[in-house]
Amino acid sequence: MRRLIKANWGYPCVKNASTRECEYKSATLVVAFGILKNGQLQVVEVRRSSGLPIYDDYAVNAIKLASPFPEVPAAMMTRGSAGLPIMATFNYVSETSLVNLLR
């Protein structure tokens, strides 16, 4: 499931309001979604926003595009449940490093 979502997840840039430059921000968001026994996506919603709507949208769309998922194994289903609830954390990490080229 993780591999399917990750294959559809992107890291968009955010335009700086003053410079109009494309920047990558570090952010974290939490998305809750439910999968029916047959693997169909039942519901998806942002539980904790990253504060950057484009990042939230990319994470939600990655889940939607990854659907349908493989059938949920019976051992993972709660008795009487129609599906499987999942809570996912998406981390966008922007790292920069300076390397001293003069040695």
PDB file of N, CA and C in Angstrom:
ATOM      1  N   MET A   1       0.821  -1.175   0.000  1.00  0.00           N
ATOM      2  CA  MET A   1       0.000   0.000   0.000  1.00  0.00           C
ATOM      3  C   MET A   1       0.878   1.257   0.000  1.00  0.00           C
ATOM      4  N   ARG A   2       1.890   1.241   0.870  1.00  0.00           N
ATOM      5  CA  ARG A   2       2.792   2.393   0.955  1.00  0.00           C
ATOM      6  C   ARG A   2       3.474   2.655  -0.387  1.00  0.00           C
ATOM      7  N   ARG A   3       3.927   1.584  -1.028  1.00  0.00           N
ATOM      8  CA  ARG A   3       4.600   1.712  -2.323  1.00  0.00           C
ATOM      9  C   ARG A   3       3.671   2.331  -3.373  1.00  0.00           C
ATOM     10  N   LEU A   4       2.406   1.916  -3.372  1.00  0.00           N
ATOM     11  CA  LEU A   4       1.434   2.452  -4.322  1.00  0.00           C
ATOM     12  C   LEU A   4       1.207   3.945  -4.112  1.00  0.00           C
ATOM     13  N   ILE A   5       1.085   4.328  -2.854  1.00  0.00           N
ATOM     14  CA  ILE A   5       0.859   5.746  -2.540  1.00  0.00           C
ATOM     15  C   ILE A   5       2.093   6.561  -2.893  1.00  0.00           C
ATOM     16  N   LYS A   6       3.255   6.067  -2.487  1.00  0.00           N
ATOM     17  CA  LYS A   6       4.502   6.789  -2.732  1.00  0.00           C
ATOM     18  C   LYS A   6       4.752   6.999  -4.224  1.00  0.00           C
ATOM     19  N   ALA A   7       4.365   6.028  -5.043  1.00  0.00           N
ATOM     20  CA  ALA A   7       4.543   6.132  -6.493  1.00  0.00           C
ATOM     21  C   ALA A   7       3.703   7.259  -7.097  1.00  0.00           C
ATOM     22  N   ASN A   8       2.651   7.678  -6.396  1.00  0.00           N
ATOM     23  CA  ASN A   8       1.755   8.718  -6.900  1.00  0.00           C
ATOM     24  C   ASN A   8       1.906  10.048  -6.163  1.00  0.00           C
ATOM     25  N   TRP A   9       2.864  10.131  -5.264  1.00  0.00           N
ATOM     26  CA  TRP A   9       3.037  11.310  -4.410  1.00  0.00           C
ATOM     27  C   TRP A   9       4.139  12.192  -4.966  1.00  0.00           C
ATOM     28  N   GLY A  10       3.880  13.488  -5.051  1.00  0.00           N
ATOM     29  CA  GLY A  10       4.867  14.432  -5.554  1.00  0.00           C
ATOM     30  C   GLY A  10       5.255  15.459  -4.509  1.00  0.00           C
ATOM     31  N   TYR A  11       6.303  16.196  -4.793  1.00  0.00           N
ATOM     32  CA  TYR A  11       6.805  17.240  -3.896  1.00  0.00           C
ATOM     33  C   TYR A  11       6.819  18.545  -4.693  1.00  0.00           C
ATOM     34  N   PRO A  12       5.682  19.251  -4.692  1.00  0.00           N
ATOM     35  CA  PRO A  12       5.590  20.471  -5.498  1.00  0.00           C
ATOM     36  C   PRO A  12       6.326  21.637  -4.846  1.00  0.00           C
ATOM     37  N   CYS A  13       6.675  22.602  -5.657  1.00  0.00           N
ATOM     38  CA  CYS A  13       7.289  23.809  -5.108  1.00  0.00           C
ATOM     39  C   CYS A  13       6.183  24.806  -4.744  1.00  0.00           C
ATOM     40  N   VAL A  14       6.539  25.721  -3.886  1.00  0.00           N
ATOM     41  CA  VAL A  14       5.622  26.781  -3.461  1.00  0.00           C
ATOM     42  C   VAL A  14       6.217  28.091  -3.943  1.00  0.00           C
ATOM     43  N   LYS A  15       5.427  28.882  -4.640  1.00  0.00           N
ATOM     44  CA  LYS A  15       5.925  30.166  -5.143  1.00  0.00           C
ATOM     45  C   LYS A  15       6.036  31.167  -3.997  1.00  0.00           C
ATOM     46  N   ASN A  16       7.207  31.760  -3.865  1.00  0.00           N
ATOM     47  CA  ASN A  16       7.433  32.813  -2.889  1.00  0.00           C
ATOM     48  C   ASN A  16       6.641  34.036  -3.344  1.00  0.00           C
ATOM     49  N   ALA A  17       5.821  34.585  -2.466  1.00  0.00           N
ATOM     50  CA  ALA A  17       4.936  35.704  -2.831  1.00  0.00           C
ATOM     51  C   ALA A  17       5.702  36.937  -3.287  1.00  0.00           C
ATOM     52  N   SER A  18       6.838  37.211  -2.702  1.00  0.00           N
ATOM     53  CA  SER A  18       7.561  38.432  -3.070  1.00  0.00           C
ATOM     54  C   SER A  18       8.531  38.235  -4.235  1.00  0.00           C
ATOM     55  N   THR A  19       9.220  37.092  -4.286  1.00  0.00           N
ATOM     56  CA  THR A  19      10.212  36.889  -5.346  1.00  0.00           C
ATOM     57  C   THR A  19       9.685  36.080  -6.519  1.00  0.00           C
ATOM     58  N   ARG A  20       8.554  35.387  -6.325  1.00  0.00           N
ATOM     59  CA  ARG A  20       7.959  34.496  -7.324  1.00  0.00           C
ATOM     60  C   ARG A  20       8.865  33.303  -7.633  1.00  0.00           C
ATOM     61  N   GLU A  21       9.875  33.092  -6.795  1.00  0.00           N
ATOM     62  CA  GLU A  21      10.778  31.956  -6.937  1.00  0.00           C
ATOM     63  C   GLU A  21      10.084  30.683  -6.450  1.00  0.00           C
ATOM     64  N   CYS A  22      10.466  29.569  -7.034  1.00  0.00           N
ATOM     65  CA  CYS A  22       9.948  28.267  -6.635  1.00  0.00           C
ATOM     66  C   CYS A  22      10.769  27.780  -5.443  1.00  0.00           C
ATOM     67  N   GLU A  23      10.081  27.492  -4.333  1.00  0.00           N
ATOM     68  CA  GLU A  23      10.761  27.031  -3.122  1.00  0.00           C
ATOM     69  C   GLU A  23      10.150  25.728  -2.649  1.00  0.00           C
ATOM     70  N   TYR A  24      10.972  24.905  -2.032  1.00  0.00           N
ATOM     71  CA  TYR A  24      10.496  23.662  -1.425  1.00  0.00           C
ATOM     72  C   TYR A  24      10.522  23.857   0.082  1.00  0.00           C
ATOM     73  N   LYS A  25       9.414  23.578   0.721  1.00  0.00           N
ATOM     74  CA  LYS A  25       9.258  23.789   2.157  1.00  0.00           C
ATOM     75  C   LYS A  25       9.241  22.445   2.883  1.00  0.00           C
ATOM     76  N   SER A  26       9.656  22.471   4.142  1.00  0.00           N
ATOM     77  CA  SER A  26       9.508  21.291   4.992  1.00  0.00           C
ATOM     78  C   SER A  26       8.148  21.381   5.662  1.00  0.00           C
ATOM     79  N   ALA A  27       7.423  20.291   5.678  1.00  0.00           N
ATOM     80  CA  ALA A  27       6.081  20.286   6.271  1.00  0.00           C
ATOM     81  C   ALA A  27       5.662  18.852   6.584  1.00  0.00           C
ATOM     82  N   THR A  28       4.729  18.730   7.515  1.00  0.00           N
ATOM     83  CA  THR A  28       4.176  17.429   7.886  1.00  0.00           C
ATOM     84  C   THR A  28       2.663  17.543   7.932  1.00  0.00           C
ATOM     85  N   LEU A  29       1.971  16.513   7.463  1.00  0.00           N
ATOM     86  CA  LEU A  29       0.527  16.489   7.554  1.00  0.00           C
ATOM     87  C   LEU A  29       0.072  15.067   7.863  1.00  0.00           C
ATOM     88  N   VAL A  30      -1.136  14.960   8.393  1.00  0.00           N
ATOM     89  CA  VAL A  30      -1.711  13.657   8.720  1.00  0.00           C
ATOM     90  C   VAL A  30      -3.008  13.491   7.939  1.00  0.00           C
ATOM     91  N   VAL A  31      -3.134  12.349   7.269  1.00  0.00           N
ATOM     92  CA  VAL A  31      -4.317  12.037   6.467  1.00  0.00           C
ATOM     93  C   VAL A  31      -4.931  10.743   6.991  1.00  0.00           C
ATOM     94  N   ALA A  32      -6.240  10.756   7.181  1.00  0.00           N
ATOM     95  CA  ALA A  32      -6.971   9.547   7.570  1.00  0.00           C
ATOM     96  C   ALA A  32      -7.728   9.060   6.336  1.00  0.00           C
ATOM     97  N   PHE A  33      -7.693   7.736   6.121  1.00  0.00           N
ATOM     98  CA  PHE A  33      -8.481   7.185   5.024  1.00  0.00           C
ATOM     99  C   PHE A  33      -8.946   5.791   5.377  1.00  0.00           C
ATOM    100  N   GLY A  34      -9.968   5.356   4.671  1.00  0.00           N
ATOM    101  CA  GLY A  34     -10.540   4.040   4.921  1.00  0.00           C
ATOM    102  C   GLY A  34     -10.589   3.236   3.650  1.00  0.00           C
ATOM    103  N   ILE A  35     -10.285   1.953   3.783  1.00  0.00           N
ATOM    104  CA  ILE A  35     -10.305   1.042   2.645  1.00  0.00           C
ATOM    105  C   ILE A  35     -11.328  -0.049   2.925  1.00  0.00           C
ATOM    106  N   LEU A  36     -12.213  -0.271   1.980  1.00  0.00           N
ATOM    107  CA  LEU A  36     -13.183  -1.354   2.101  1.00  0.00           C
ATOM    108  C   LEU A  36     -12.477  -2.695   1.918  1.00  0.00           C
ATOM    109  N   LYS A  37     -13.105  -3.768   2.340  1.00  0.00           N
ATOM    110  CA  LYS A  37     -12.520  -5.108   2.260  1.00  0.00           C
ATOM    111  C   LYS A  37     -12.031  -5.428   0.856  1.00  0.00           C
ATOM    112  N   ASN A  38     -12.744  -4.951  -0.158  1.00  0.00           N
ATOM    113  CA  ASN A  38     -12.364  -5.242  -1.542  1.00  0.00           C
ATOM    114  C   ASN A  38     -11.232  -4.346  -2.064  1.00  0.00           C
ATOM    115  N   GLY A  39     -10.716  -3.435  -1.224  1.00  0.00           N
ATOM    116  CA  GLY A  39      -9.607  -2.573  -1.617  1.00  0.00           C
ATOM    117  C   GLY A  39     -10.012  -1.202  -2.117  1.00  0.00           C
ATOM    118  N   GLN A  40     -11.302  -0.965  -2.276  1.00  0.00           N
ATOM    119  CA  GLN A  40     -11.766   0.344  -2.740  1.00  0.00           C
ATOM    120  C   GLN A  40     -11.599   1.390  -1.642  1.00  0.00           C
ATOM    121  N   LEU A  41     -11.205   2.584  -2.047  1.00  0.00           N
ATOM    122  CA  LEU A  41     -11.060   3.700  -1.116  1.00  0.00           C
ATOM    123  C   LEU A  41     -12.449   4.156  -0.691  1.00  0.00           C
ATOM    124  N   GLN A  42     -12.675   4.222   0.607  1.00  0.00           N
ATOM    125  CA  GLN A  42     -13.992   4.608   1.125  1.00  0.00           C
ATOM    126  C   GLN A  42     -14.050   6.098   1.412  1.00  0.00           C
ATOM    127  N   VAL A  43     -13.045   6.613   2.119  1.00  0.00           N
ATOM    128  CA  VAL A  43     -13.031   8.011   2.519  1.00  0.00           C
ATOM    129  C   VAL A  43     -11.582   8.446   2.694  1.00  0.00           C
ATOM    130  N   VAL A  44     -11.307   9.718   2.462  1.00  0.00           N
ATOM    131  CA  VAL A  44      -9.973  10.275   2.698  1.00  0.00           C
ATOM    132  C   VAL A  44     -10.136  11.718   3.146  1.00  0.00           C
ATOM    133  N   GLU A  45      -9.443  12.080   4.227  1.00  0.00           N
ATOM    134  CA  GLU A  45      -9.537  13.456   4.730  1.00  0.00           C
ATOM    135  C   GLU A  45      -8.269  13.853   5.459  1.00  0.00           C
ATOM    136  N   VAL A  46      -7.930  15.126   5.346  1.00  0.00           N
ATOM    137  CA  VAL A  46      -6.768  15.670   6.046  1.00  0.00           C
ATOM    138  C   VAL A  46      -7.170  15.882   7.502  1.00  0.00           C
ATOM    139  N   ARG A  47      -6.431  15.259   8.411  1.00  0.00           N
ATOM    140  CA  ARG A  47      -6.703  15.410   9.844  1.00  0.00           C
ATOM    141  C   ARG A  47      -5.872  16.522  10.465  1.00  0.00           C
ATOM    142  N   ARG A  48      -4.637  16.669   9.979  1.00  0.00           N
ATOM    143  CA  ARG A  48      -3.788  17.775  10.433  1.00  0.00           C
ATOM    144  C   ARG A  48      -3.075  18.334   9.211  1.00  0.00           C
ATOM    145  N   SER A  49      -3.422  19.549   8.858  1.00  0.00           N
ATOM    146  CA  SER A  49      -2.887  20.190   7.667  1.00  0.00           C
ATOM    147  C   SER A  49      -1.410  20.536   7.826  1.00  0.00           C
ATOM    148  N   SER A  50      -0.729  20.577   6.709  1.00  0.00           N
ATOM    149  CA  SER A  50       0.665  21.009   6.680  1.00  0.00           C
ATOM    150  C   SER A  50       0.757  22.527   6.778  1.00  0.00           C
ATOM    151  N   GLY A  51      -0.372  23.195   6.544  1.00  0.00           N
ATOM    152  CA  GLY A  51      -0.364  24.654   6.477  1.00  0.00           C
ATOM    153  C   GLY A  51      -0.124  25.150   5.056  1.00  0.00           C
ATOM    154  N   LEU A  52       0.148  24.219   4.165  1.00  0.00           N
ATOM    155  CA  LEU A  52       0.376  24.545   2.754  1.00  0.00           C
ATOM    156  C   LEU A  52      -0.622  23.717   1.937  1.00  0.00           C
ATOM    157  N   PRO A  53      -1.697  24.330   1.474  1.00  0.00           N
ATOM    158  CA  PRO A  53      -2.756  23.586   0.781  1.00  0.00           C
ATOM    159  C   PRO A  53      -2.267  22.711  -0.369  1.00  0.00           C
ATOM    160  N   ILE A  54      -1.263  23.159  -1.111  1.00  0.00           N
ATOM    161  CA  ILE A  54      -0.787  22.349  -2.234  1.00  0.00           C
ATOM    162  C   ILE A  54      -0.174  21.042  -1.743  1.00  0.00           C
ATOM    163  N   TYR A  55       0.496  21.057  -0.594  1.00  0.00           N
ATOM    164  CA  TYR A  55       1.076  19.831  -0.042  1.00  0.00           C
ATOM    165  C   TYR A  55      -0.021  18.892   0.445  1.00  0.00           C
ATOM    166  N   ASP A  56      -1.036  19.459   1.080  1.00  0.00           N
ATOM    167  CA  ASP A  56      -2.180  18.647   1.518  1.00  0.00           C
ATOM    168  C   ASP A  56      -2.849  17.990   0.317  1.00  0.00           C
ATOM    169  N   ASP A  57      -3.065  18.766  -0.737  1.00  0.00           N
ATOM    170  CA  ASP A  57      -3.716  18.249  -1.942  1.00  0.00           C
ATOM    171  C   ASP A  57      -2.904  17.136  -2.598  1.00  0.00           C
ATOM    172  N   TYR A  58      -1.586  17.293  -2.658  1.00  0.00           N
ATOM    173  CA  TYR A  58      -0.746  16.267  -3.277  1.00  0.00           C
ATOM    174  C   TYR A  58      -0.819  14.953  -2.508  1.00  0.00           C
ATOM    175  N   ALA A  59      -0.851  15.027  -1.179  1.00  0.00           N
ATOM    176  CA  ALA A  59      -0.925  13.812  -0.363  1.00  0.00           C
ATOM    177  C   ALA A  59      -2.276  13.113  -0.556  1.00  0.00           C
ATOM    178  N   VAL A  60      -3.364  13.872  -0.512  1.00  0.00           N
ATOM    179  CA  VAL A  60      -4.702  13.299  -0.705  1.00  0.00           C
ATOM    180  C   VAL A  60      -4.822  12.685  -2.102  1.00  0.00           C
ATOM    181  N   ASN A  61      -4.332  13.385  -3.096  1.00  0.00           N
ATOM    182  CA  ASN A  61      -4.412  12.868  -4.465  1.00  0.00           C
ATOM    183  C   ASN A  61      -3.573  11.611  -4.652  1.00  0.00           C
ATOM    184  N   ALA A  62      -2.436  11.506  -3.951  1.00  0.00           N
ATOM    185  CA  ALA A  62      -1.609  10.300  -4.048  1.00  0.00           C
ATOM    186  C   ALA A  62      -2.380   9.087  -3.563  1.00  0.00           C
ATOM    187  N   ILE A  63      -3.138   9.259  -2.485  1.00  0.00           N
ATOM    188  CA  ILE A  63      -3.954   8.162  -1.963  1.00  0.00           C
ATOM    189  C   ILE A  63      -5.061   7.807  -2.949  1.00  0.00           C
ATOM    190  N   LYS A  64      -5.734   8.818  -3.483  1.00  0.00           N
ATOM    191  CA  LYS A  64      -6.811   8.565  -4.446  1.00  0.00           C
ATOM    192  C   LYS A  64      -6.301   7.875  -5.706  1.00  0.00           C
ATOM    193  N   LEU A  65      -5.151   8.314  -6.213  1.00  0.00           N
ATOM    194  CA  LEU A  65      -4.597   7.727  -7.432  1.00  0.00           C
ATOM    195  C   LEU A  65      -4.084   6.302  -7.217  1.00  0.00           C
ATOM    196  N   ALA A  66      -3.694   5.979  -5.981  1.00  0.00           N
ATOM    197  CA  ALA A  66      -3.204   4.631  -5.670  1.00  0.00           C
ATOM    198  C   ALA A  66      -4.332   3.610  -5.566  1.00  0.00           C
ATOM    199  N   SER A  67      -5.551   4.077  -5.399  1.00  0.00           N
ATOM    200  CA  SER A  67      -6.711   3.201  -5.259  1.00  0.00           C
ATOM    201  C   SER A  67      -7.105   2.639  -6.624  1.00  0.00           C
ATOM    202  N   PRO A  68      -7.611   1.420  -6.717  1.00  0.00           N
ATOM    203  CA  PRO A  68      -7.942   0.524  -5.616  1.00  0.00           C
ATOM    204  C   PRO A  68      -6.694  -0.181  -5.080  1.00  0.00           C
ATOM    205  N   PHE A  69      -6.739  -0.480  -3.802  1.00  0.00           N
ATOM    206  CA  PHE A  69      -5.666  -1.181  -3.124  1.00  0.00           C
ATOM    207  C   PHE A  69      -5.956  -2.685  -3.176  1.00  0.00           C
ATOM    208  N   PRO A  70      -4.965  -3.494  -2.820  1.00  0.00           N
ATOM    209  CA  PRO A  70      -5.245  -4.939  -2.752  1.00  0.00           C
ATOM    210  C   PRO A  70      -6.324  -5.222  -1.706  1.00  0.00           C
ATOM    211  N   GLU A  71      -6.999  -6.340  -1.855  1.00  0.00           N
ATOM    212  CA  GLU A  71      -8.036  -6.727  -0.902  1.00  0.00           C
ATOM    213  C   GLU A  71      -7.445  -6.801   0.505  1.00  0.00           C
ATOM    214  N   VAL A  72      -8.207  -6.341   1.492  1.00  0.00           N
ATOM    215  CA  VAL A  72      -7.760  -6.349   2.878  1.00  0.00           C
ATOM    216  C   VAL A  72      -7.868  -7.777   3.424  1.00  0.00           C
ATOM    217  N   PRO A  73      -6.764  -8.307   3.978  1.00  0.00           N
ATOM    218  CA  PRO A  73      -6.822  -9.668   4.540  1.00  0.00           C
ATOM    219  C   PRO A  73      -7.833  -9.739   5.690  1.00  0.00           C
ATOM    220  N   ALA A  74      -8.535 -10.848   5.782  1.00  0.00           N
ATOM    221  CA  ALA A  74      -9.557 -11.036   6.817  1.00  0.00           C
ATOM    222  C   ALA A  74      -8.984 -10.828   8.211  1.00  0.00           C
ATOM    223  N   ALA A  75      -7.736 -11.220   8.436  1.00  0.00           N
ATOM    224  CA  ALA A  75      -7.106 -11.078   9.756  1.00  0.00           C
ATOM    225  C   ALA A  75      -6.954  -9.619  10.179  1.00  0.00           C
ATOM    226  N   MET A  76      -6.982  -8.701   9.226  1.00  0.00           N
ATOM    227  CA  MET A  76      -6.835  -7.275   9.542  1.00  0.00           C
ATOM    228  C   MET A  76      -8.179  -6.586   9.775  1.00  0.00           C
ATOM    229  N   MET A  77      -9.248  -7.262   9.464  1.00  0.00           N
ATOM    230  CA  MET A  77     -10.580  -6.681   9.603  1.00  0.00           C
ATOM    231  C   MET A  77     -11.095  -6.866  11.027  1.00  0.00           C
ATOM    232  N   THR A  78     -11.697  -5.825  11.566  1.00  0.00           N
ATOM    233  CA  THR A  78     -12.341  -5.922  12.866  1.00  0.00           C
ATOM    234  C   THR A  78     -13.707  -6.565  12.664  1.00  0.00           C
ATOM    235  N   ARG A  79     -14.102  -7.419  13.590  1.00  0.00           N
ATOM    236  CA  ARG A  79     -15.391  -8.115  13.475  1.00  0.00           C
ATOM    237  C   ARG A  79     -16.516  -7.109  13.231  1.00  0.00           C
ATOM    238  N   GLY A  80     -17.288  -7.345  12.204  1.00  0.00           N
ATOM    239  CA  GLY A  80     -18.418  -6.490  11.872  1.00  0.00           C
ATOM    240  C   GLY A  80     -18.045  -5.233  11.097  1.00  0.00           C
ATOM    241  N   SER A  81     -16.767  -5.048  10.834  1.00  0.00           N
ATOM    242  CA  SER A  81     -16.299  -3.856  10.133  1.00  0.00           C
ATOM    243  C   SER A  81     -16.407  -4.039   8.625  1.00  0.00           C
ATOM    244  N   ALA A  82     -16.687  -2.947   7.932  1.00  0.00           N
ATOM    245  CA  ALA A  82     -16.774  -2.999   6.477  1.00  0.00           C
ATOM    246  C   ALA A  82     -15.434  -2.658   5.830  1.00  0.00           C
ATOM    247  N   GLY A  83     -14.507  -2.132   6.637  1.00  0.00           N
ATOM    248  CA  GLY A  83     -13.244  -1.718   6.056  1.00  0.00           C
ATOM    249  C   GLY A  83     -12.161  -1.535   7.096  1.00  0.00           C
ATOM    250  N   LEU A  84     -11.070  -0.954   6.639  1.00  0.00           N
ATOM    251  CA  LEU A  84      -9.886  -0.766   7.465  1.00  0.00           C
ATOM    252  C   LEU A  84      -9.547   0.715   7.552  1.00  0.00           C
ATOM    253  N   PRO A  85      -9.551   1.298   8.777  1.00  0.00           N
ATOM    254  CA  PRO A  85      -9.158   2.704   8.913  1.00  0.00           C
ATOM    255  C   PRO A  85      -7.632   2.815   8.973  1.00  0.00           C
ATOM    256  N   ILE A  86      -7.086   3.825   8.302  1.00  0.00           N
ATOM    257  CA  ILE A  86      -5.634   4.029   8.269  1.00  0.00           C
ATOM    258  C   ILE A  86      -5.332   5.498   8.522  1.00  0.00           C
ATOM    259  N   MET A  87      -4.313   5.752   9.325  1.00  0.00           N
ATOM    260  CA  MET A  87      -3.835   7.103   9.584  1.00  0.00           C
ATOM    261  C   MET A  87      -2.422   7.177   9.011  1.00  0.00           C
ATOM    262  N   ALA A  88      -2.178   8.115   8.109  1.00  0.00           N
ATOM    263  CA  ALA A  88      -0.876   8.222   7.450  1.00  0.00           C
ATOM    264  C   ALA A  88      -0.270   9.607   7.682  1.00  0.00           C
ATOM    265  N   THR A  89       1.018   9.617   7.939  1.00  0.00           N
ATOM    266  CA  THR A  89       1.754  10.871   8.092  1.00  0.00           C
ATOM    267  C   THR A  89       2.607  11.069   6.852  1.00  0.00           C
ATOM    268  N   PHE A  90       2.511  12.238   6.256  1.00  0.00           N
ATOM    269  CA  PHE A  90       3.309  12.597   5.090  1.00  0.00           C
ATOM    270  C   PHE A  90       4.310  13.669   5.524  1.00  0.00           C
ATOM    271  N   ASN A  91       5.587  13.425   5.261  1.00  0.00           N
ATOM    272  CA  ASN A  91       6.635  14.379   5.607  1.00  0.00           C
ATOM    273  C   ASN A  91       7.292  14.906   4.345  1.00  0.00           C
ATOM    274  N   TYR A  92       7.250  16.196   4.179  1.00  0.00           N
ATOM    275  CA  TYR A  92       7.975  16.865   3.105  1.00  0.00           C
ATOM    276  C   TYR A  92       9.214  17.450   3.775  1.00  0.00           C
ATOM    277  N   VAL A  93      10.391  17.049   3.303  1.00  0.00           N
ATOM    278  CA  VAL A  93      11.624  17.506   3.942  1.00  0.00           C
ATOM    279  C   VAL A  93      12.499  18.185   2.910  1.00  0.00           C
ATOM    280  N   SER A  94      12.801  19.434   3.185  1.00  0.00           N
ATOM    281  CA  SER A  94      13.681  20.204   2.327  1.00  0.00           C
ATOM    282  C   SER A  94      15.018  20.312   3.044  1.00  0.00           C
ATOM    283  N   GLU A  95      16.015  19.721   2.447  1.00  0.00           N
ATOM    284  CA  GLU A  95      17.336  19.753   3.061  1.00  0.00           C
ATOM    285  C   GLU A  95      18.304  20.487   2.158  1.00  0.00           C
ATOM    286  N   THR A  96      19.108  21.299   2.775  1.00  0.00           N
ATOM    287  CA  THR A  96      20.169  21.962   2.037  1.00  0.00           C
ATOM    288  C   THR A  96      21.458  21.718   2.795  1.00  0.00           C
ATOM    289  N   SER A  97      22.504  21.598   2.073  1.00  0.00           N
ATOM    290  CA  SER A  97      23.799  21.440   2.720  1.00  0.00           C
ATOM    291  C   SER A  97      24.852  22.163   1.892  1.00  0.00           C
ATOM    292  N   LEU A  98      25.765  22.718   2.611  1.00  0.00           N
ATOM    293  CA  LEU A  98      26.879  23.410   1.963  1.00  0.00           C
ATOM    294  C   LEU A  98      28.117  22.544   2.141  1.00  0.00           C
ATOM    295  N   VAL A  99      28.834  22.362   1.073  1.00  0.00           N
ATOM    296  CA  VAL A  99      30.047  21.573   1.133  1.00  0.00           C
ATOM    297  C   VAL A  99      31.210  22.506   0.886  1.00  0.00           C
ATOM    298  N   ASN A 100      32.189  22.456   1.753  1.00  0.00           N
ATOM    299  CA  ASN A 100      33.372  23.283   1.584  1.00  0.00           C
ATOM    300  C   ASN A 100      34.232  22.664   0.483  1.00  0.00           C
ATOM    301  N   LEU A 101      34.260  23.323  -0.647  1.00  0.00           N
ATOM    302  CA  LEU A 101      35.002  22.785  -1.772  1.00  0.00           C
ATOM    303  C   LEU A 101      36.492  23.107  -1.689  1.00  0.00           C
ATOM    304  N   LEU A 102      36.837  24.048  -0.833  1.00  0.00           N
ATOM    305  CA  LEU A 102      38.252  24.393  -0.645  1.00  0.00           C
ATOM    306  C   LEU A 102      38.784  23.587   0.525  1.00  0.00           C
ATOM    307  N   ARG A 103      39.728  22.739   0.282  1.00  0.00           N
ATOM    308  CA  ARG A 103      40.267  21.914   1.384  1.00  0.00           C
ATOM    309  C   ARG A 103      41.713  22.209   1.589  1.00  0.00           C
TER     310      ARG A 103
END
